[in-house]
N, C-alpha and C. Protein backbone atom coordinates (compact mmCIF):
# COMPACT_ATOMS: atom_id res chain seq x y z
N MET A 1 114.25 23.90 51.55
CA MET A 1 115.27 23.66 52.22
C MET A 1 116.69 22.99 51.33
N LYS A 2 118.05 24.25 51.22
CA LYS A 2 118.81 23.03 50.36
C LYS A 2 119.35 22.24 51.09
N ARG A 3 120.17 21.27 50.65
CA ARG A 3 120.86 20.69 51.32
C ARG A 3 122.31 21.08 51.03
N PRO A 4 122.46 20.94 53.04
CA PRO A 4 123.97 21.47 53.17
C PRO A 4 125.00 21.15 52.45
N SER A 5 126.63 21.56 52.46
CA SER A 5 127.41 20.57 51.54
C SER A 5 127.79 19.28 52.38
N ARG A 6 128.96 19.07 51.75
CA ARG A 6 129.89 18.53 52.61
C ARG A 6 130.25 19.28 54.06
N GLU A 7 131.24 19.73 53.09
CA GLU A 7 131.88 20.94 54.38
C GLU A 7 131.22 21.07 55.48
N GLU A 8 130.13 21.70 55.32
CA GLU A 8 128.93 22.59 56.26
C GLU A 8 129.04 21.54 57.14
N VAL A 9 129.09 20.03 56.76
CA VAL A 9 128.44 18.85 57.70
C VAL A 9 129.83 18.69 57.95
N GLU A 10 130.25 18.90 57.61
CA GLU A 10 131.84 18.85 58.48
C GLU A 10 132.18 18.98 59.77
N ARG A 11 132.03 20.75 59.16
CA ARG A 11 131.95 22.30 60.24
C ARG A 11 131.27 21.68 61.40
N GLU A 12 130.02 21.38 61.61
CA GLU A 12 128.96 21.55 62.20
C GLU A 12 129.49 20.29 63.12
N ILE A 13 129.96 18.87 62.28
CA ILE A 13 130.43 17.83 63.36
C ILE A 13 131.53 18.30 63.80
N ALA A 14 132.03 18.72 63.18
CA ALA A 14 133.75 18.87 64.01
C ALA A 14 133.07 19.99 65.46
N ALA A 15 132.22 20.92 65.40
CA ALA A 15 131.51 22.22 66.00
C ALA A 15 131.05 21.12 67.23
N LEU A 16 130.83 19.91 66.97
CA LEU A 16 130.04 19.54 68.16
C LEU A 16 130.65 19.34 69.45
N ASP A 17 131.85 19.09 69.34
CA ASP A 17 132.82 18.67 70.47
C ASP A 17 132.97 19.77 71.36
N THR A 18 132.83 20.95 70.96
CA THR A 18 133.18 22.04 72.24
C THR A 18 131.55 22.54 72.35
N THR A 19 130.69 22.32 71.96
CA THR A 19 129.35 22.52 72.16
C THR A 19 128.91 21.94 74.08
N ASP A 20 128.33 22.59 74.37
CA ASP A 20 127.78 22.42 76.06
C ASP A 20 126.20 21.27 75.46
N GLY A 21 126.10 20.87 76.96
CA GLY A 21 124.84 20.02 77.15
C GLY A 21 123.99 20.15 76.66
N LYS A 22 123.66 22.16 77.48
CA LYS A 22 122.45 22.47 76.63
C LYS A 22 122.59 22.80 75.42
N ALA A 23 123.09 22.99 75.03
CA ALA A 23 123.05 23.72 73.40
C ALA A 23 122.64 22.09 72.78
N LEU A 24 123.31 21.28 73.03
CA LEU A 24 123.06 19.97 72.09
C LEU A 24 121.96 19.40 71.95
N ARG A 25 121.03 19.90 73.65
CA ARG A 25 119.80 18.82 73.72
C ARG A 25 118.52 19.23 72.59
N THR A 26 119.22 21.28 72.83
CA THR A 26 118.09 21.87 72.23
C THR A 26 118.67 21.63 70.29
N ARG A 27 119.62 21.70 70.23
CA ARG A 27 120.11 20.89 68.48
C ARG A 27 119.23 19.51 67.71
N TRP A 28 119.59 18.86 69.18
CA TRP A 28 118.59 17.48 69.23
C TRP A 28 117.22 17.47 68.71
N GLN A 29 116.63 18.39 69.38
CA GLN A 29 115.36 18.85 69.58
C GLN A 29 114.94 19.68 68.27
N GLU A 30 115.81 20.17 67.38
CA GLU A 30 115.57 20.71 66.11
C GLU A 30 115.87 19.59 65.35
N LEU A 31 116.23 18.77 65.73
CA LEU A 31 116.54 17.95 64.50
C LEU A 31 116.35 16.90 64.20
N TYR A 32 115.67 16.06 65.49
CA TYR A 32 114.70 15.17 65.54
C TYR A 32 113.09 15.48 65.96
N ARG A 33 112.79 17.02 66.54
CA ARG A 33 111.24 17.37 66.66
C ARG A 33 111.09 16.71 67.73
N THR A 34 111.90 16.07 69.08
CA THR A 34 111.56 15.72 70.02
C THR A 34 112.38 16.19 70.93
N ASP A 35 111.98 15.55 72.34
CA ASP A 35 113.33 15.90 73.53
C ASP A 35 114.43 14.83 73.07
N PRO A 36 115.36 14.56 73.63
CA PRO A 36 116.57 13.54 73.58
C PRO A 36 116.17 12.79 74.39
N PRO A 37 116.49 11.43 74.68
CA PRO A 37 116.18 10.60 75.87
C PRO A 37 117.05 11.36 77.12
N PRO A 38 115.93 11.45 78.23
CA PRO A 38 116.55 11.77 79.65
C PRO A 38 118.19 11.47 80.10
N LYS A 39 118.94 10.18 79.60
CA LYS A 39 119.45 9.54 80.33
C LYS A 39 121.28 9.83 79.05
N PHE A 40 120.13 10.40 77.98
CA PHE A 40 121.11 10.48 77.27
C PHE A 40 122.63 11.84 77.30
N ARG A 41 123.47 11.58 77.50
CA ARG A 41 125.05 12.37 78.02
C ARG A 41 125.29 12.93 76.82
N ALA A 42 126.30 13.88 76.75
CA ALA A 42 126.74 14.63 75.90
C ALA A 42 127.50 14.05 74.87
N ARG A 43 127.89 12.85 74.79
CA ARG A 43 129.09 12.29 73.79
C ARG A 43 127.89 11.41 73.08
N LEU A 44 126.59 10.84 73.75
CA LEU A 44 125.29 10.36 72.65
C LEU A 44 124.84 10.93 72.23
N LEU A 45 124.74 12.62 73.03
CA LEU A 45 123.61 13.03 71.95
C LEU A 45 125.10 13.95 70.70
N ARG A 46 125.87 14.04 70.64
CA ARG A 46 127.20 14.26 69.56
C ARG A 46 126.79 13.18 68.37
N LEU A 47 126.58 12.16 68.93
CA LEU A 47 126.85 10.91 68.04
C LEU A 47 125.59 11.07 67.25
N GLY A 48 124.10 10.92 68.07
CA GLY A 48 122.88 11.10 67.08
C GLY A 48 122.82 12.60 66.73
N ILE A 49 123.26 13.46 66.78
CA ILE A 49 122.85 14.82 66.08
C ILE A 49 124.04 14.51 64.86
N ALA A 50 125.18 13.36 64.86
CA ALA A 50 126.00 14.22 63.54
C ALA A 50 125.59 12.92 62.82
N TYR A 51 124.88 11.70 63.30
CA TYR A 51 124.26 10.67 62.57
C TYR A 51 122.84 11.55 61.94
N ARG A 52 122.15 12.24 62.48
CA ARG A 52 121.35 13.27 61.96
C ARG A 52 121.45 14.00 61.05
N LEU A 53 122.75 14.58 61.47
CA LEU A 53 123.00 15.66 60.08
C LEU A 53 123.46 14.98 58.89
N GLN A 54 123.82 13.52 58.88
CA GLN A 54 124.37 12.98 57.47
C GLN A 54 123.55 12.60 56.95
N GLU A 55 122.34 12.31 57.81
CA GLU A 55 121.33 11.48 57.24
C GLU A 55 120.35 12.45 56.26
N LEU A 56 120.50 13.50 56.86
CA LEU A 56 119.09 14.55 56.47
C LEU A 56 120.02 15.34 55.21
N ALA A 57 121.50 15.51 54.63
CA ALA A 57 122.56 15.78 54.25
C ALA A 57 122.89 14.94 52.79
N PHE A 58 122.87 13.85 53.41
CA PHE A 58 123.10 12.45 52.29
C PHE A 58 122.26 11.32 52.17
N GLY A 59 121.12 10.97 52.96
CA GLY A 59 120.20 10.19 52.77
C GLY A 59 120.37 9.11 54.10
N GLY A 60 119.12 8.48 54.30
CA GLY A 60 119.41 7.64 55.21
C GLY A 60 119.35 6.16 55.04
N LEU A 61 119.23 5.38 55.41
CA LEU A 61 118.98 3.67 55.53
C LEU A 61 118.08 3.54 54.46
N LYS A 62 118.20 2.68 53.66
CA LYS A 62 117.53 1.98 52.35
C LYS A 62 115.73 0.95 53.38
N PRO A 63 115.17 1.62 52.48
CA PRO A 63 113.89 0.91 53.18
C PRO A 63 114.32 -0.83 53.60
N GLN A 64 114.83 -1.11 53.02
CA GLN A 64 115.06 -3.08 53.37
C GLN A 64 115.54 -2.88 54.40
N THR A 65 116.92 -2.37 54.85
CA THR A 65 117.66 -2.40 55.91
C THR A 65 116.81 -1.70 57.22
N ILE A 66 115.82 -0.98 56.57
CA ILE A 66 114.88 -0.64 58.15
C ILE A 66 113.93 -1.89 58.23
N ARG A 67 113.28 -2.26 57.68
CA ARG A 67 112.77 -3.10 57.91
C ARG A 67 113.75 -4.44 58.52
N LEU A 68 114.74 -4.74 58.15
CA LEU A 68 115.47 -5.71 58.72
C LEU A 68 115.91 -5.68 59.90
N LEU A 69 115.82 -4.39 60.45
CA LEU A 69 116.41 -3.67 61.47
C LEU A 69 115.65 -4.48 62.53
N ARG A 70 114.26 -3.97 61.77
CA ARG A 70 113.03 -3.74 62.49
C ARG A 70 112.64 -5.32 63.27
N LYS A 71 112.60 -5.79 62.20
CA LYS A 71 112.38 -7.37 62.39
C LYS A 71 113.67 -8.43 63.82
N LEU A 72 114.78 -7.64 63.53
CA LEU A 72 115.74 -8.53 64.43
C LEU A 72 115.58 -8.01 65.69
N ALA A 73 115.12 -6.51 65.65
CA ALA A 73 114.67 -5.66 67.13
C ALA A 73 113.00 -6.54 67.31
N ALA A 74 112.58 -6.76 66.58
CA ALA A 74 110.86 -7.88 67.02
C ALA A 74 111.56 -9.31 67.59
N GLU A 75 112.74 -10.00 66.86
CA GLU A 75 113.23 -11.64 66.90
C GLU A 75 113.94 -11.11 68.43
N LEU A 76 114.76 -10.11 68.96
CA LEU A 76 115.39 -9.71 70.45
C LEU A 76 114.57 -9.68 71.45
N ARG A 77 113.79 -9.02 71.07
CA ARG A 77 112.62 -8.60 72.34
C ARG A 77 111.82 -10.04 72.31
N ALA A 78 111.62 -10.45 71.06
CA ALA A 78 110.45 -12.02 71.99
C ALA A 78 111.47 -13.09 72.79
N GLU A 79 112.58 -13.29 71.89
CA GLU A 79 113.75 -13.68 72.93
C GLU A 79 113.99 -13.65 74.72
N ARG A 80 113.79 -12.12 74.69
CA ARG A 80 114.38 -11.67 75.40
C ARG A 80 112.91 -12.06 76.73
N VAL A 81 112.13 -11.83 76.19
CA VAL A 81 110.86 -12.86 77.32
C VAL A 81 111.06 -13.98 77.04
N GLN A 82 111.09 -14.52 76.12
CA GLN A 82 110.57 -15.82 76.43
C GLN A 82 112.07 -16.23 77.42
N LYS A 83 113.19 -16.01 77.53
CA LYS A 83 113.93 -15.81 78.30
C LYS A 83 113.92 -15.79 79.52
N GLN A 84 112.92 -14.61 79.66
CA GLN A 84 112.66 -14.64 81.28
C GLN A 84 111.90 -14.78 82.05
N GLN A 85 110.81 -16.12 81.06
CA GLN A 85 110.03 -16.48 81.18
C GLN A 85 110.58 -18.44 81.88
N GLY A 86 111.38 -18.84 81.31
CA GLY A 86 112.48 -19.98 81.38
C GLY A 86 111.69 -20.50 80.10
N GLU A 87 110.98 -20.01 79.36
CA GLU A 87 110.39 -21.10 78.21
C GLU A 87 112.00 -21.27 76.94
N ILE A 88 113.50 -20.76 77.05
CA ILE A 88 114.58 -20.66 76.57
C ILE A 88 115.58 -20.89 77.33
N SER A 89 117.21 -21.32 76.94
CA SER A 89 118.22 -21.48 77.85
C SER A 89 118.78 -20.08 77.17
N PRO A 90 119.44 -19.28 77.92
CA PRO A 90 120.46 -18.43 77.56
C PRO A 90 121.30 -19.00 76.78
N LEU A 91 121.68 -19.63 76.65
CA LEU A 91 122.88 -20.69 75.26
C LEU A 91 121.98 -20.09 73.89
N LYS A 92 120.68 -20.51 73.84
CA LYS A 92 120.17 -20.48 72.49
C LYS A 92 120.09 -19.05 71.86
N VAL A 93 120.11 -18.20 72.46
CA VAL A 93 120.27 -16.54 72.42
C VAL A 93 121.20 -16.43 71.51
N LEU A 94 122.45 -17.12 72.19
CA LEU A 94 124.01 -16.39 71.61
C LEU A 94 124.12 -17.36 70.25
N ASP A 95 123.41 -18.65 70.40
CA ASP A 95 123.42 -19.23 69.06
C ASP A 95 122.97 -18.61 67.54
N ARG A 96 122.50 -17.33 67.49
CA ARG A 96 122.19 -16.75 66.25
C ARG A 96 122.96 -16.89 65.37
N SER A 97 122.62 -17.49 64.09
CA SER A 97 123.05 -17.42 62.93
C SER A 97 123.14 -16.22 62.06
N PRO A 98 123.64 -15.68 60.72
CA PRO A 98 123.36 -14.41 60.41
C PRO A 98 121.74 -14.70 59.48
N VAL A 99 121.18 -13.82 59.67
CA VAL A 99 119.58 -13.74 59.35
C VAL A 99 120.22 -13.56 57.64
N ALA A 100 120.61 -12.05 56.90
CA ALA A 100 120.27 -12.10 55.80
C ALA A 100 121.58 -12.44 55.24
N ARG A 101 121.42 -12.73 54.11
CA ARG A 101 123.01 -12.85 53.24
C ARG A 101 123.54 -11.42 53.09
N PRO A 102 124.60 -11.20 53.08
CA PRO A 102 125.23 -9.99 52.32
C PRO A 102 124.81 -9.11 51.63
N LEU A 103 124.22 -7.86 51.18
CA LEU A 103 123.94 -7.39 50.39
C LEU A 103 124.73 -6.79 49.41
N LEU A 104 125.15 -7.71 48.27
CA LEU A 104 126.37 -7.15 47.62
C LEU A 104 126.28 -6.24 46.31
N ALA A 105 126.48 -4.52 46.12
CA ALA A 105 125.91 -3.63 45.07
C ALA A 105 126.80 -4.00 43.73
N LYS A 106 125.54 -3.84 42.98
CA LYS A 106 126.16 -3.87 41.35
C LYS A 106 127.72 -3.73 41.49
N GLY A 107 128.46 -4.01 40.72
CA GLY A 107 129.79 -2.95 40.45
C GLY A 107 130.97 -3.49 41.30
N SER A 108 130.41 -3.90 42.73
CA SER A 108 131.71 -4.19 43.66
C SER A 108 132.55 -5.54 43.19
N GLN A 109 133.69 -5.30 43.84
CA GLN A 109 134.59 -6.64 43.23
C GLN A 109 134.75 -7.83 44.90
N LEU A 110 135.03 -8.33 44.49
CA LEU A 110 135.20 -9.63 45.78
C LEU A 110 136.87 -10.04 45.21
N MET A 111 137.24 -9.95 45.99
CA MET A 111 139.27 -10.50 46.24
C MET A 111 139.26 -11.58 47.05
N ARG A 112 140.28 -12.54 46.34
CA ARG A 112 140.33 -13.43 47.32
C ARG A 112 141.58 -14.45 46.64
N GLU A 113 143.03 -14.76 47.72
CA GLU A 113 144.33 -15.26 47.31
C GLU A 113 143.65 -16.50 46.89
N TRP A 114 144.14 -17.96 46.14
CA TRP A 114 143.76 -18.68 45.99
C TRP A 114 145.19 -19.49 45.35
N ASN A 115 145.96 -20.30 46.40
CA ASN A 115 146.68 -20.70 45.56
C ASN A 115 147.94 -20.09 44.81
N GLY A 116 148.21 -18.77 45.61
CA GLY A 116 149.29 -17.62 44.80
C GLY A 116 148.75 -16.70 44.11
N SER A 117 147.55 -17.10 43.66
CA SER A 117 147.00 -15.72 42.93
C SER A 117 145.90 -15.39 43.11
N THR A 118 145.71 -14.07 42.59
CA THR A 118 144.63 -13.17 43.28
C THR A 118 143.30 -13.38 42.37
N GLU A 119 142.14 -13.93 42.97
CA GLU A 119 140.85 -14.04 42.19
C GLU A 119 140.38 -12.68 42.51
N ILE A 120 139.74 -12.18 41.72
CA ILE A 120 138.86 -10.96 41.63
C ILE A 120 137.60 -11.51 40.92
N VAL A 121 136.39 -11.26 41.59
CA VAL A 121 135.02 -11.52 41.54
C VAL A 121 134.13 -10.46 40.84
N ASP A 122 133.43 -9.94 40.14
CA ASP A 122 132.60 -8.81 39.81
C ASP A 122 131.63 -8.68 40.20
N VAL A 123 130.39 -8.18 40.83
CA VAL A 123 129.01 -8.47 41.00
C VAL A 123 128.77 -7.61 39.83
N VAL A 124 127.90 -8.79 39.32
CA VAL A 124 127.22 -7.97 38.33
C VAL A 124 125.39 -7.94 38.20
N ASP A 125 125.03 -7.75 37.39
CA ASP A 125 123.21 -7.80 37.00
C ASP A 125 123.04 -9.27 37.47
N GLU A 126 122.05 -9.59 38.29
CA GLU A 126 121.89 -11.51 38.60
C GLU A 126 123.21 -11.80 38.49
N GLY A 127 124.46 -12.01 39.25
CA GLY A 127 124.98 -12.67 39.53
C GLY A 127 126.38 -12.09 39.89
N PHE A 128 126.90 -12.88 39.26
CA PHE A 128 128.60 -12.78 39.17
C PHE A 128 129.47 -12.92 38.20
N ARG A 129 130.66 -12.54 38.45
CA ARG A 129 131.47 -12.73 36.52
C ARG A 129 132.84 -12.85 37.54
N TRP A 130 133.48 -14.11 36.85
CA TRP A 130 134.73 -14.70 36.86
C TRP A 130 135.74 -14.80 35.78
N ARG A 131 136.81 -14.14 35.65
CA ARG A 131 137.78 -14.66 34.39
C ARG A 131 136.64 -14.82 33.16
N GLY A 132 135.55 -13.68 33.10
CA GLY A 132 134.92 -13.44 32.23
C GLY A 132 133.80 -14.50 31.66
N THR A 133 133.52 -15.47 32.99
CA THR A 133 132.47 -16.46 33.20
C THR A 133 131.35 -15.81 33.62
N HIS A 134 129.84 -15.74 33.26
CA HIS A 134 128.78 -15.12 34.42
C HIS A 134 128.00 -16.79 35.54
N TYR A 135 128.48 -16.29 36.33
CA TYR A 135 127.92 -17.15 37.49
C TYR A 135 126.29 -16.68 38.22
N ARG A 136 125.61 -17.67 38.88
CA ARG A 136 124.41 -17.01 39.27
C ARG A 136 125.17 -17.08 40.52
N THR A 137 125.39 -17.72 41.07
CA THR A 137 125.83 -17.81 42.77
C THR A 137 127.43 -17.77 43.19
N LEU A 138 127.90 -17.15 43.80
CA LEU A 138 128.74 -17.23 45.18
C LEU A 138 129.58 -18.50 44.86
N SER A 139 128.85 -19.48 45.31
CA SER A 139 129.53 -20.50 45.38
C SER A 139 129.53 -21.33 43.81
N ALA A 140 128.82 -20.71 43.41
CA ALA A 140 129.37 -21.35 41.81
C ALA A 140 131.11 -20.93 41.34
N VAL A 141 130.76 -19.71 41.97
CA VAL A 141 132.04 -18.89 41.46
C VAL A 141 133.26 -19.95 42.74
N ALA A 142 133.09 -20.03 43.46
CA ALA A 142 133.95 -20.33 44.86
C ALA A 142 134.46 -21.68 44.25
N GLY A 143 133.27 -22.61 43.65
CA GLY A 143 133.82 -24.04 43.21
C GLY A 143 134.53 -23.94 41.81
N ALA A 144 133.93 -23.24 41.33
CA ALA A 144 135.20 -22.80 39.61
C ALA A 144 136.54 -22.80 40.08
N ILE A 145 136.99 -21.59 40.95
CA ILE A 145 137.93 -21.33 41.52
C ILE A 145 139.12 -22.61 41.97
N THR A 146 137.63 -23.38 43.12
CA THR A 146 138.96 -24.16 43.80
C THR A 146 138.74 -25.60 43.31
N GLY A 147 137.68 -25.66 42.59
CA GLY A 147 137.56 -26.99 41.63
C GLY A 147 136.88 -28.33 42.91
N THR A 148 136.33 -27.89 43.41
CA THR A 148 135.43 -28.59 44.96
C THR A 148 134.52 -27.66 45.38
N LYS A 149 133.96 -28.08 46.12
CA LYS A 149 132.50 -28.08 46.71
C LYS A 149 132.61 -26.58 47.55
N TRP A 150 132.38 -25.27 47.66
CA TRP A 150 132.21 -24.40 48.60
C TRP A 150 130.90 -23.71 48.74
N SER A 151 131.23 -22.90 50.23
CA SER A 151 130.27 -22.28 50.45
C SER A 151 130.70 -20.60 49.35
N GLY A 152 130.30 -20.12 48.52
CA GLY A 152 130.94 -18.77 48.52
C GLY A 152 131.03 -17.74 49.21
N PRO A 153 129.75 -17.35 50.04
CA PRO A 153 130.40 -16.17 51.43
C PRO A 153 131.25 -16.63 52.18
N LYS A 154 131.91 -17.84 52.60
CA LYS A 154 132.69 -18.46 53.89
C LYS A 154 133.88 -18.21 52.62
N PHE A 155 133.98 -18.81 51.46
CA PHE A 155 135.24 -18.75 50.89
C PHE A 155 135.80 -17.51 50.56
N PHE A 156 134.83 -16.03 50.12
CA PHE A 156 135.18 -14.83 50.53
C PHE A 156 134.87 -13.87 51.67
N GLY A 157 135.07 -14.76 52.34
CA GLY A 157 135.40 -14.11 54.28
C GLY A 157 134.18 -13.15 54.07
N LEU A 158 132.73 -13.27 53.66
CA LEU A 158 131.33 -12.78 53.96
C LEU A 158 130.39 -13.20 55.43
N VAL A 159 130.79 -14.23 55.54
CA VAL A 159 130.14 -14.64 56.70
C VAL A 159 131.03 -14.42 58.11
N ARG A 160 130.07 -14.12 58.62
CA ARG A 160 130.99 -13.79 60.37
C ARG A 160 131.40 -15.32 60.68
N HIS A 161 132.50 -15.12 61.40
CA HIS A 161 132.80 -16.59 61.96
C HIS A 161 133.10 -16.51 63.72
N ALA A 162 132.75 -17.69 64.25
CA ALA A 162 132.33 -17.30 65.64
C ALA A 162 133.70 -16.94 66.49
N PRO A 163 134.05 -16.37 67.09
CA PRO A 163 135.15 -15.59 68.09
C PRO A 163 135.97 -16.97 68.16
N THR A 164 137.42 -16.78 68.22
CA THR A 164 138.22 -18.15 68.16
C THR A 164 138.22 -18.87 69.48
N GLY A 165 137.92 -20.17 69.45
CA GLY A 165 137.60 -20.85 70.59
C GLY A 165 136.65 -21.15 71.15
N THR A 166 135.28 -20.73 70.38
CA THR A 166 134.21 -20.75 71.17
C THR A 166 132.87 -21.81 70.62
N THR A 167 133.58 -22.38 69.25
CA THR A 167 132.68 -23.00 68.92
C THR A 167 132.81 -24.25 69.05
N LYS A 168 131.83 -25.17 69.50
CA LYS A 168 132.57 -26.53 69.73
C LYS A 168 132.12 -27.49 68.71
N THR A 169 132.30 -28.46 68.44
CA THR A 169 132.16 -29.92 67.63
C THR A 169 132.83 -30.90 68.36
N SER A 170 132.06 -32.21 68.57
CA SER A 170 132.36 -33.36 69.40
C SER A 170 133.83 -33.10 70.27
N GLY A 171 133.47 -32.27 71.03
CA GLY A 171 134.59 -32.15 72.53
C GLY A 171 136.02 -31.70 71.75
N ARG A 172 135.58 -31.03 70.57
CA ARG A 172 136.36 -30.22 70.23
C ARG A 172 136.16 -28.66 69.89
N ARG A 173 137.19 -27.41 70.35
CA ARG A 173 137.00 -26.52 69.66
C ARG A 173 137.59 -26.45 68.74
N VAL A 174 137.18 -25.22 67.95
CA VAL A 174 137.70 -24.95 66.47
C VAL A 174 138.20 -23.64 66.41
N ALA A 175 138.88 -23.38 66.37
CA ALA A 175 140.08 -21.86 65.82
C ALA A 175 139.30 -21.58 64.44
N THR A 176 139.15 -20.58 64.12
CA THR A 176 138.81 -19.70 62.72
C THR A 176 140.50 -18.69 62.47
N CYS A 177 140.77 -19.45 61.86
CA CYS A 177 142.27 -18.42 61.11
C CYS A 177 142.32 -18.12 59.57
N ALA A 178 142.35 -16.93 58.98
CA ALA A 178 143.06 -16.62 58.00
C ALA A 178 142.51 -17.80 56.72
N ASN A 179 140.40 -17.79 56.98
CA ASN A 179 139.87 -18.47 56.27
C ASN A 179 140.13 -20.20 56.19
N ARG A 180 140.22 -20.89 57.54
CA ARG A 180 140.54 -21.78 57.58
C ARG A 180 140.08 -22.26 59.19
N ALA A 181 139.75 -23.24 59.24
CA ALA A 181 139.64 -23.77 60.59
C ALA A 181 140.79 -24.56 60.97
N VAL A 182 141.23 -24.79 62.43
CA VAL A 182 141.98 -25.17 63.19
C VAL A 182 141.22 -25.89 63.77
N ALA A 183 141.22 -26.95 63.88
CA ALA A 183 141.12 -27.89 65.20
C ALA A 183 141.79 -28.59 66.46
N THR A 184 141.44 -28.47 67.66
CA THR A 184 142.36 -28.49 68.54
C THR A 184 141.88 -29.33 70.16
N GLU A 185 142.65 -29.96 70.09
CA GLU A 185 142.43 -30.86 71.02
C GLU A 185 142.52 -30.37 72.12
N GLY A 186 141.78 -31.01 73.36
CA GLY A 186 141.65 -30.37 74.96
C GLY A 186 141.00 -29.22 75.21
N GLY A 187 139.90 -29.14 74.00
CA GLY A 187 139.05 -27.70 74.75
C GLY A 187 139.62 -26.68 74.58
N SER A 188 141.06 -26.48 74.24
CA SER A 188 141.76 -24.66 74.31
C SER A 188 142.32 -24.41 72.62
N ALA A 189 141.95 -22.89 72.06
CA ALA A 189 142.51 -22.78 70.92
C ALA A 189 143.62 -22.30 71.06
């Protein structure tokens, strides 16, 4: 079976907007070889069908991404059970830190403005290249740029920050803004 072209996939996805519920359920069955979940309405059916069409045409998730998602799902299920049994507080579940560091593809470039100049770092085999020098870690690059110790992922904005005003430190709330933390008195940011 030949893979559909990008144009064919785009046409079929566009046509989903005018497809009725019965036809959507039939198309779901053809693509997934199973009935759609009974509570899925037309919008979710369209999204699922569009994803599957693209997956079949262009490829799906990498095996390592699938493993990570399964691991996260298992952890969340276990936490939910512990929470329901009163073994952990609801706040612990919210205190999740990133599980995996971002995967940067070789050939990617990271950009960061620092002291008025734009610094560009290339992702290469076995690390990073900045201004012709090879570094094993992103933190080493950040240190070279700033002249001080930095977390490379934080410096380049690859780490998710807590929503503004939600991180508590010694009675003060910390608001994150444009790669810097601003502490405010009185608990409001």
